[in-house]
Amino acid sequence: MYYRNNNSSGGTFIFILIVVLIILIFIEHIHGSDVYNNGICTYCGGTYEFQQAVGHQYLTDYIYVCNKCGRLIQIPDYYPPK
C-alpha cells in the first residue's frame, strides 16, 4: 500500500502561498512608484501634491492630486514632499 505524507504537502502549499503574497506586494509597490512618476503628472506635466490618506483594515492608500489638471492617483506608498 502507498501512504501519502500529508505534512510535507501542507508545508509546501503554505510556503508557496507566502512567496506568492510577497511577490504580489512587491509588484504593487513597483506599480505605485511608476504611477507616481517622481511626483510629475504624465498628462500635463504638473506636480502631484499629497491630498489625504485612506485607511483600510490592513493597509493605507495615499491620494495625490495634480496641481494643474486635478488628476487623482491612489497608491499604497507615501512620498513625503520635497
Protein backbone atom coordinates (compact mmCIF):
# COMPACT_ATOMS: atom_id res chain seq x y z
CA MET A 1 0.00 0.00 0.00
CA TYR A 2 1.05 3.55 -0.64
CA TYR A 3 0.57 6.14 2.10
CA ARG A 4 0.71 9.82 1.31
CA ASN A 5 2.62 12.07 3.68
CA ASN A 6 0.22 15.00 4.22
CA ASN A 7 2.57 17.00 6.44
CA SER A 8 5.08 17.89 3.71
CA SER A 9 2.44 18.84 1.12
CA GLY A 10 0.72 21.23 3.56
CA GLY A 11 4.01 22.91 4.41
CA THR A 12 4.86 23.25 0.74
CA PHE A 13 1.50 24.84 -0.02
CA ILE A 14 1.91 27.39 2.78
CA PHE A 15 5.44 28.21 1.61
CA ILE A 16 4.26 28.75 -1.99
CA LEU A 17 1.36 30.89 -0.76
CA ILE A 18 3.70 33.11 1.28
CA VAL A 19 6.10 33.52 -1.67
CA VAL A 20 3.21 34.47 -3.99
CA LEU A 21 1.94 37.06 -1.49
CA ILE A 22 5.41 38.60 -1.16
CA ILE A 23 5.71 38.82 -4.95
CA LEU A 24 2.28 40.47 -5.24
CA ILE A 25 3.17 43.06 -2.58
CA PHE A 26 6.43 43.80 -4.41
CA ILE A 27 4.59 44.23 -7.74
CA GLU A 28 2.08 46.58 -6.06
CA HIS A 29 4.95 48.72 -4.74
CA ILE A 30 6.58 48.93 -8.17
CA HIS A 31 3.26 49.88 -9.78
CA GLY A 32 2.76 52.67 -7.21
CA SER A 33 6.14 54.22 -7.91
CA ASP A 34 5.51 54.04 -11.67
CA VAL A 35 2.16 55.81 -11.31
CA TYR A 36 3.64 58.47 -9.02
CA ASN A 37 6.40 59.15 -11.62
CA ASN A 38 8.63 61.11 -9.19
CA GLY A 39 5.75 63.50 -8.50
CA ILE A 40 5.24 64.58 -12.11
CA CYS A 41 1.85 64.14 -13.80
CA THR A 42 2.16 62.15 -17.04
CA TYR A 43 -0.79 64.00 -18.64
CA CYS A 44 0.03 67.68 -18.13
CA GLY A 45 3.49 67.85 -16.53
CA GLY A 46 2.22 69.33 -13.25
CA THR A 47 3.30 68.08 -9.86
CA TYR A 48 1.44 65.75 -7.53
CA GLU A 49 0.59 67.06 -4.08
CA PHE A 50 -0.42 64.88 -1.15
CA GLN A 51 -4.18 65.10 -0.55
CA GLN A 52 -5.14 62.51 2.07
CA ALA A 53 -4.58 59.02 3.43
CA VAL A 54 -7.33 56.43 3.19
CA GLY A 55 -7.03 53.68 5.78
CA HIS A 56 -8.29 50.18 5.27
CA GLN A 57 -8.20 47.29 7.70
CA TYR A 58 -4.63 46.21 6.97
CA LEU A 59 -3.18 48.88 4.71
CA THR A 60 -3.28 52.56 3.87
CA ASP A 61 -3.59 54.11 0.43
CA TYR A 62 -2.41 57.63 -0.25
CA ILE A 63 -4.17 60.03 -2.60
CA TYR A 64 -2.26 62.62 -4.61
CA VAL A 65 -3.70 65.41 -6.78
CA CYS A 66 -2.04 67.11 -9.74
CA ASN A 67 -1.81 70.86 -9.16
CA LYS A 68 -2.50 71.64 -12.85
CA CYS A 69 -5.12 69.24 -14.20
CA GLY A 70 -6.56 67.90 -10.92
CA ARG A 71 -5.93 64.24 -11.77
CA LEU A 72 -6.17 61.94 -8.75
CA ILE A 73 -3.99 58.91 -8.13
CA GLN A 74 -4.34 56.46 -5.26
CA ILE A 75 -1.28 54.38 -4.44
CA PRO A 76 -0.06 52.35 -1.45
CA ASP A 77 3.13 54.39 -0.96
CA TYR A 78 3.70 57.68 0.82
CA TYR A 79 6.15 60.08 -0.79
CA PRO A 80 6.91 62.99 1.54
CA PRO A 81 7.02 66.46 -0.02
CA LYS A 82 10.48 67.66 -1.08
